[in-house]
Amino acid sequence: VLPLEHLPEGSEMWPGGRVMRLVERGESVRYLSPDEVLRISGFPEGYRFPESLSMRAQYKLVGDSINVDVVAHLLQFLLFEWTDLG
């Protein structure tokens, strides 16, 4: 957590140490690229979409996907560990 004197201008501290900062009118915003979204979502480094897909379609496909590793851990917990808790 940043000390209050190091918060970016226009930011405010929320409960739990979260920082909220509003984007000012005219200020540029950098969106994540489809490749960055793929990495965050757990896709392998070399995964690429077909060139025929629009960026919008790429974002939608990643947003509709699920991470198989996360599902595997959830199923492991629900089927074997959660039931052992009583």
C-alpha atoms as a PDB file:
ATOM      1  CA  VAL A   1       0.000   0.000   0.000  1.00  0.00           C
ATOM      2  CA  LEU A   2       1.341   3.399  -0.924  1.00  0.00           C
ATOM      3  CA  PRO A   3       1.733   5.973   1.840  1.00  0.00           C
ATOM      4  CA  LEU A   4      -0.812   8.763   1.424  1.00  0.00           C
ATOM      5  CA  GLU A   5       1.820  11.267   0.317  1.00  0.00           C
ATOM      6  CA  HIS A   6       2.699   8.989  -2.642  1.00  0.00           C
ATOM      7  CA  LEU A   7      -0.817   8.644  -4.069  1.00  0.00           C
ATOM      8  CA  PRO A   8      -1.194   9.980  -7.601  1.00  0.00           C
ATOM      9  CA  GLU A   9      -2.896  13.358  -7.841  1.00  0.00           C
ATOM     10  CA  GLY A  10      -6.667  13.006  -7.997  1.00  0.00           C
ATOM     11  CA  SER A  11      -6.633   9.659  -6.137  1.00  0.00           C
ATOM     12  CA  GLU A  12      -8.328   8.749  -2.902  1.00  0.00           C
ATOM     13  CA  MET A  13      -7.821   5.866  -0.491  1.00  0.00           C
ATOM     14  CA  TRP A  14     -10.732   3.454  -0.059  1.00  0.00           C
ATOM     15  CA  PRO A  15     -11.276   0.873   2.706  1.00  0.00           C
ATOM     16  CA  GLY A  16      -8.897  -2.062   2.532  1.00  0.00           C
ATOM     17  CA  GLY A  17      -6.080   0.061   1.113  1.00  0.00           C
ATOM     18  CA  ARG A  18      -7.562   0.268  -2.368  1.00  0.00           C
ATOM     19  CA  VAL A  19      -6.917   3.393  -4.378  1.00  0.00           C
ATOM     20  CA  MET A  20      -9.562   4.930  -6.607  1.00  0.00           C
ATOM     21  CA  ARG A  21      -8.473   7.335  -9.280  1.00  0.00           C
ATOM     22  CA  LEU A  22     -10.869   8.871 -11.760  1.00  0.00           C
ATOM     23  CA  VAL A  23      -9.830   9.530 -15.325  1.00  0.00           C
ATOM     24  CA  GLU A  24     -10.116  13.196 -16.067  1.00  0.00           C
ATOM     25  CA  ARG A  25     -11.795  14.459 -19.239  1.00  0.00           C
ATOM     26  CA  GLY A  26      -9.263  14.578 -22.062  1.00  0.00           C
ATOM     27  CA  GLU A  27      -6.845  12.259 -20.261  1.00  0.00           C
ATOM     28  CA  SER A  28      -5.729   9.299 -22.376  1.00  0.00           C
ATOM     29  CA  VAL A  29      -6.425   5.754 -21.223  1.00  0.00           C
ATOM     30  CA  ARG A  30      -4.382   2.733 -22.225  1.00  0.00           C
ATOM     31  CA  TYR A  31      -6.416  -0.439 -22.678  1.00  0.00           C
ATOM     32  CA  LEU A  32      -4.935  -3.918 -22.416  1.00  0.00           C
ATOM     33  CA  SER A  33      -4.120  -5.497 -25.758  1.00  0.00           C
ATOM     34  CA  PRO A  34      -5.717  -8.840 -26.676  1.00  0.00           C
ATOM     35  CA  ASP A  35      -2.315 -10.505 -26.097  1.00  0.00           C
ATOM     36  CA  GLU A  36      -2.078  -9.008 -22.593  1.00  0.00           C
ATOM     37  CA  VAL A  37      -5.605 -10.190 -21.804  1.00  0.00           C
ATOM     38  CA  LEU A  38      -4.662 -13.688 -23.018  1.00  0.00           C
ATOM     39  CA  ARG A  39      -1.621 -13.795 -20.699  1.00  0.00           C
ATOM     40  CA  ILE A  40      -3.652 -12.599 -17.694  1.00  0.00           C
ATOM     41  CA  SER A  41      -6.290 -15.230 -18.478  1.00  0.00           C
ATOM     42  CA  GLY A  42      -3.741 -18.050 -18.436  1.00  0.00           C
ATOM     43  CA  PHE A  43      -3.401 -18.748 -22.150  1.00  0.00           C
ATOM     44  CA  PRO A  44       0.021 -20.045 -23.267  1.00  0.00           C
ATOM     45  CA  GLU A  45       2.589 -17.506 -24.437  1.00  0.00           C
ATOM     46  CA  GLY A  46       2.453 -18.575 -28.084  1.00  0.00           C
ATOM     47  CA  TYR A  47      -1.351 -18.544 -28.408  1.00  0.00           C
ATOM     48  CA  ARG A  48      -2.598 -16.271 -31.184  1.00  0.00           C
ATOM     49  CA  PHE A  49      -6.010 -15.526 -32.632  1.00  0.00           C
ATOM     50  CA  PRO A  50      -6.599 -15.924 -36.362  1.00  0.00           C
ATOM     51  CA  GLU A  51      -5.898 -12.657 -38.160  1.00  0.00           C
ATOM     52  CA  SER A  52      -9.437 -12.670 -39.552  1.00  0.00           C
ATOM     53  CA  LEU A  53     -10.933 -11.982 -36.085  1.00  0.00           C
ATOM     54  CA  SER A  54     -11.626  -8.384 -35.158  1.00  0.00           C
ATOM     55  CA  MET A  55     -10.224  -7.032 -31.883  1.00  0.00           C
ATOM     56  CA  ARG A  56     -13.758  -6.854 -30.528  1.00  0.00           C
ATOM     57  CA  ALA A  57     -14.289 -10.553 -31.268  1.00  0.00           C
ATOM     58  CA  GLN A  58     -10.946 -11.388 -29.619  1.00  0.00           C
ATOM     59  CA  TYR A  59     -11.888  -9.537 -26.423  1.00  0.00           C
ATOM     60  CA  LYS A  60     -15.293 -11.257 -26.375  1.00  0.00           C
ATOM     61  CA  LEU A  61     -13.775 -14.717 -26.815  1.00  0.00           C
ATOM     62  CA  VAL A  62     -11.311 -14.212 -23.977  1.00  0.00           C
ATOM     63  CA  GLY A  63     -14.059 -12.778 -21.784  1.00  0.00           C
ATOM     64  CA  ASP A  64     -16.229 -15.835 -22.440  1.00  0.00           C
ATOM     65  CA  SER A  65     -13.421 -18.284 -21.653  1.00  0.00           C
ATOM     66  CA  ILE A  66     -12.566 -19.954 -18.367  1.00  0.00           C
ATOM     67  CA  ASN A  67      -9.180 -20.921 -16.975  1.00  0.00           C
ATOM     68  CA  VAL A  68      -8.977 -24.721 -16.876  1.00  0.00           C
ATOM     69  CA  ASP A  69      -6.465 -24.689 -13.991  1.00  0.00           C
ATOM     70  CA  VAL A  70      -8.818 -22.611 -11.847  1.00  0.00           C
ATOM     71  CA  VAL A  71     -11.740 -24.934 -12.623  1.00  0.00           C
ATOM     72  CA  ALA A  72      -9.596 -27.982 -11.772  1.00  0.00           C
ATOM     73  CA  HIS A  73      -8.674 -26.502  -8.385  1.00  0.00           C
ATOM     74  CA  LEU A  74     -12.295 -25.605  -7.653  1.00  0.00           C
ATOM     75  CA  LEU A  75     -13.493 -29.103  -8.542  1.00  0.00           C
ATOM     76  CA  GLN A  76     -10.733 -30.661  -6.433  1.00  0.00           C
ATOM     77  CA  PHE A  77     -11.826 -28.576  -3.467  1.00  0.00           C
ATOM     78  CA  LEU A  78     -15.570 -29.085  -3.954  1.00  0.00           C
ATOM     79  CA  LEU A  79     -15.400 -32.828  -4.572  1.00  0.00           C
ATOM     80  CA  PHE A  80     -12.722 -33.889  -2.118  1.00  0.00           C
ATOM     81  CA  GLU A  81     -11.797 -31.233   0.420  1.00  0.00           C
ATOM     82  CA  TRP A  82     -15.008 -29.318   1.094  1.00  0.00           C
ATOM     83  CA  THR A  83     -16.948 -32.482   1.884  1.00  0.00           C
ATOM     84  CA  ASP A  84     -14.208 -33.475   4.398  1.00  0.00           C
ATOM     85  CA  LEU A  85     -14.814 -30.256   6.350  1.00  0.00           C
ATOM     86  CA  GLY A  86     -18.063 -31.643   7.638  1.00  0.00           C
END
